[in-house]
Amino acid sequence: MNWTITDSNGTTHNLECKVKAFSGPQITVDTNTYRVKSSNWFVNLIDYTVDFPGANCHIVMIGKKARLAVNGTYQDDGTPYEPVSGIPAWVWVLVALSVIGGWFFGGILCCAIGAALSTIYVAGALEKNTKKVILAFVGFIVIALIFLALNIVLVGLA
């Protein structure tokens, strides 16, 4: 993502945020490039502050989606900026249930589906979208029950 910001002195600044395949996220401010480290091991979670005269900028990255907030307002949709917070413990419980439960209900394939859906749980929690997290978990439960039914029909309860 690229943005152009003009500060109160009339100077134009270029901001860029991208994710490199093996080196992780990096942010470029004018001609200076900074490697940034995610504050979460599971998903890219960046909240990088850049101050210009009259413009307080926050580059926020969740996953591969990057947004820019200037003076407390996101530039893409006008919503107010809120600092990125941690992921609630109940979401990590859902992640564990999905991965471990996936293994018991349907083996490695269901476990992989649970892990993939876990990224949606984490992203939804970071977006403060509880409905998205719960719907994704309900979707996982449906998939796990289908796998369980297939295992019972194909293998039996032996």
Protein backbone atom coordinates (compact mmCIF):
# COMPACT_ATOMS: atom_id res chain seq x y z
CA MET A 1 0.00 0.00 0.00
CA ASN A 2 1.21 3.49 -0.83
CA TRP A 3 0.04 6.78 0.65
CA THR A 4 1.00 10.40 0.15
CA ILE A 5 0.73 12.78 3.11
CA THR A 6 1.22 16.54 3.15
CA ASP A 7 2.29 17.97 6.51
CA SER A 8 1.48 21.41 7.90
CA ASN A 9 4.65 22.87 6.28
CA GLY A 10 3.42 21.81 2.83
CA THR A 11 6.02 19.05 2.48
CA THR A 12 4.78 15.89 0.77
CA HIS A 13 5.78 12.56 2.29
CA ASN A 14 5.46 9.11 0.76
CA LEU A 15 4.57 6.15 2.97
CA GLU A 16 4.63 2.55 1.83
CA CYS A 17 3.86 -0.69 3.64
CA LYS A 18 4.49 -4.14 2.20
CA VAL A 19 5.14 -7.69 3.26
CA LYS A 20 8.19 -9.42 1.85
CA ALA A 21 7.98 -13.18 1.43
CA PHE A 22 10.89 -14.14 3.68
CA SER A 23 11.92 -10.96 5.46
CA GLY A 24 8.56 -9.94 6.91
CA PRO A 25 6.83 -6.57 6.87
CA GLN A 26 8.65 -3.38 6.00
CA ILE A 27 7.62 0.26 6.04
CA THR A 28 9.15 2.95 3.86
CA VAL A 29 8.90 6.59 4.94
CA ASP A 30 10.11 8.84 2.10
CA THR A 31 13.42 7.12 1.26
CA ASN A 32 14.02 5.34 4.58
CA THR A 33 13.02 1.68 4.87
CA TYR A 34 12.34 0.08 8.24
CA ARG A 35 11.87 -3.59 8.96
CA VAL A 36 9.15 -4.01 11.52
CA LYS A 37 8.36 -7.00 13.65
CA SER A 38 4.86 -8.26 14.22
CA SER A 39 3.63 -8.09 17.79
CA ASN A 40 1.88 -11.45 17.29
CA TRP A 41 3.42 -14.78 16.27
CA PHE A 42 0.28 -16.04 14.51
CA VAL A 43 -0.63 -13.13 12.21
CA ASN A 44 1.07 -9.92 11.10
CA LEU A 45 0.11 -7.30 13.64
CA ILE A 46 1.80 -3.93 13.17
CA ASP A 47 0.98 -0.50 14.58
CA TYR A 48 3.79 1.81 13.42
CA THR A 49 3.77 5.51 14.29
CA VAL A 50 5.24 8.23 12.07
CA ASP A 51 5.09 11.87 13.13
CA PHE A 52 5.28 14.79 10.72
CA PRO A 53 4.62 18.45 11.59
CA GLY A 54 0.86 18.63 12.07
CA ALA A 55 0.28 15.01 11.07
CA ASN A 56 0.38 12.05 13.46
CA CYS A 57 0.29 8.93 11.26
CA HIS A 58 -0.29 5.31 12.26
CA ILE A 59 0.31 2.54 9.76
CA VAL A 60 -1.75 -0.42 10.95
CA MET A 61 -1.32 -3.84 9.39
CA ILE A 62 -3.42 -6.86 10.28
CA GLY A 63 -2.50 -9.86 8.17
CA LYS A 64 -1.75 -8.45 4.72
CA LYS A 65 -4.26 -5.62 4.99
CA ALA A 66 -2.63 -2.26 5.68
CA ARG A 67 -4.41 0.96 6.66
CA LEU A 68 -3.28 4.49 7.39
CA ALA A 69 -4.68 6.68 10.16
CA VAL A 70 -3.83 10.38 10.14
CA ASN A 71 -4.60 12.50 13.20
CA GLY A 72 -6.88 9.83 14.63
CA THR A 73 -8.89 8.98 11.49
CA TYR A 74 -8.42 6.10 9.07
CA GLN A 75 -8.01 7.44 5.54
CA ASP A 76 -9.82 4.61 3.75
CA ASP A 77 -13.20 4.84 5.49
CA GLY A 78 -13.07 7.75 7.96
CA THR A 79 -13.50 5.62 11.07
CA PRO A 80 -11.65 6.65 14.23
CA TYR A 81 -8.25 5.14 14.91
CA GLU A 82 -8.00 2.79 17.89
CA PRO A 83 -4.67 1.33 18.99
CA VAL A 84 -4.31 -2.32 18.05
CA SER A 85 -4.90 -4.43 21.13
CA GLY A 86 -4.06 -8.01 21.96
CA ILE A 87 -6.15 -11.03 21.15
CA PRO A 88 -8.59 -12.13 23.88
CA ALA A 89 -7.96 -15.46 25.62
CA TRP A 90 -11.29 -16.90 24.50
CA VAL A 91 -10.16 -16.63 20.86
CA TRP A 92 -7.06 -18.71 21.67
CA VAL A 93 -9.38 -21.30 23.24
CA LEU A 94 -11.31 -21.46 19.95
CA VAL A 95 -8.02 -21.84 18.06
CA ALA A 96 -7.00 -24.74 20.29
CA LEU A 97 -10.43 -26.38 20.01
CA SER A 98 -10.33 -26.07 16.23
CA VAL A 99 -6.86 -27.51 15.77
CA ILE A 100 -7.01 -30.25 18.42
CA GLY A 101 -10.70 -30.97 17.85
CA GLY A 102 -10.08 -31.08 14.11
CA TRP A 103 -7.49 -33.79 14.65
CA PHE A 104 -9.87 -35.92 16.72
CA PHE A 105 -12.92 -35.38 14.49
CA GLY A 106 -11.38 -35.76 11.07
CA GLY A 107 -7.65 -36.31 11.15
CA ILE A 108 -4.99 -34.21 9.50
CA LEU A 109 -7.26 -32.64 6.86
CA CYS A 110 -9.80 -31.42 9.41
CA CYS A 111 -6.93 -30.24 11.63
CA ALA A 112 -5.58 -28.19 8.70
CA ILE A 113 -9.03 -26.72 8.06
CA GLY A 114 -9.25 -25.81 11.78
CA ALA A 115 -5.85 -24.11 11.59
CA ALA A 116 -6.87 -22.20 8.47
CA LEU A 117 -10.12 -21.04 10.08
CA SER A 118 -8.15 -20.04 13.17
CA THR A 119 -6.58 -17.25 11.13
CA ILE A 120 -10.09 -15.89 10.60
CA TYR A 121 -10.73 -16.05 14.36
CA VAL A 122 -7.59 -14.06 15.09
CA ALA A 123 -8.21 -11.51 12.32
CA GLY A 124 -11.82 -11.08 13.43
CA ALA A 125 -10.74 -10.55 17.04
CA LEU A 126 -8.22 -7.92 15.97
CA GLU A 127 -10.92 -6.17 13.95
CA LYS A 128 -13.16 -6.38 17.05
CA ASN A 129 -15.69 -8.32 14.96
CA THR A 130 -17.03 -10.94 17.37
CA LYS A 131 -19.75 -12.00 14.92
CA LYS A 132 -17.09 -12.96 12.33
CA VAL A 133 -15.22 -15.06 14.91
CA ILE A 134 -18.34 -16.90 16.05
CA LEU A 135 -19.60 -17.54 12.51
CA ALA A 136 -16.22 -18.95 11.50
CA PHE A 137 -16.19 -21.22 14.57
CA VAL A 138 -19.73 -22.43 13.84
CA GLY A 139 -18.55 -23.13 10.29
CA PHE A 140 -15.71 -25.19 11.71
CA ILE A 141 -18.10 -27.16 13.93
CA VAL A 142 -20.26 -27.98 10.89
CA ILE A 143 -17.19 -29.12 8.93
CA ALA A 144 -15.93 -31.19 11.88
CA LEU A 145 -19.33 -32.89 12.27
CA ILE A 146 -19.35 -33.73 8.55
CA PHE A 147 -15.88 -35.26 8.90
CA LEU A 148 -17.02 -37.21 11.99
CA ALA A 149 -20.09 -38.52 10.15
CA LEU A 150 -17.97 -39.56 7.17
CA ASN A 151 -15.52 -41.34 9.47
CA ILE A 152 -18.33 -43.22 11.20
CA VAL A 153 -19.94 -44.23 7.89
CA LEU A 154 -16.70 -45.16 6.09
CA VAL A 155 -14.67 -46.65 8.95
CA GLY A 156 -17.27 -47.51 11.51
CA LEU A 157 -17.06 -47.23 15.27
CA ALA A 158 -14.73 -50.23 15.62
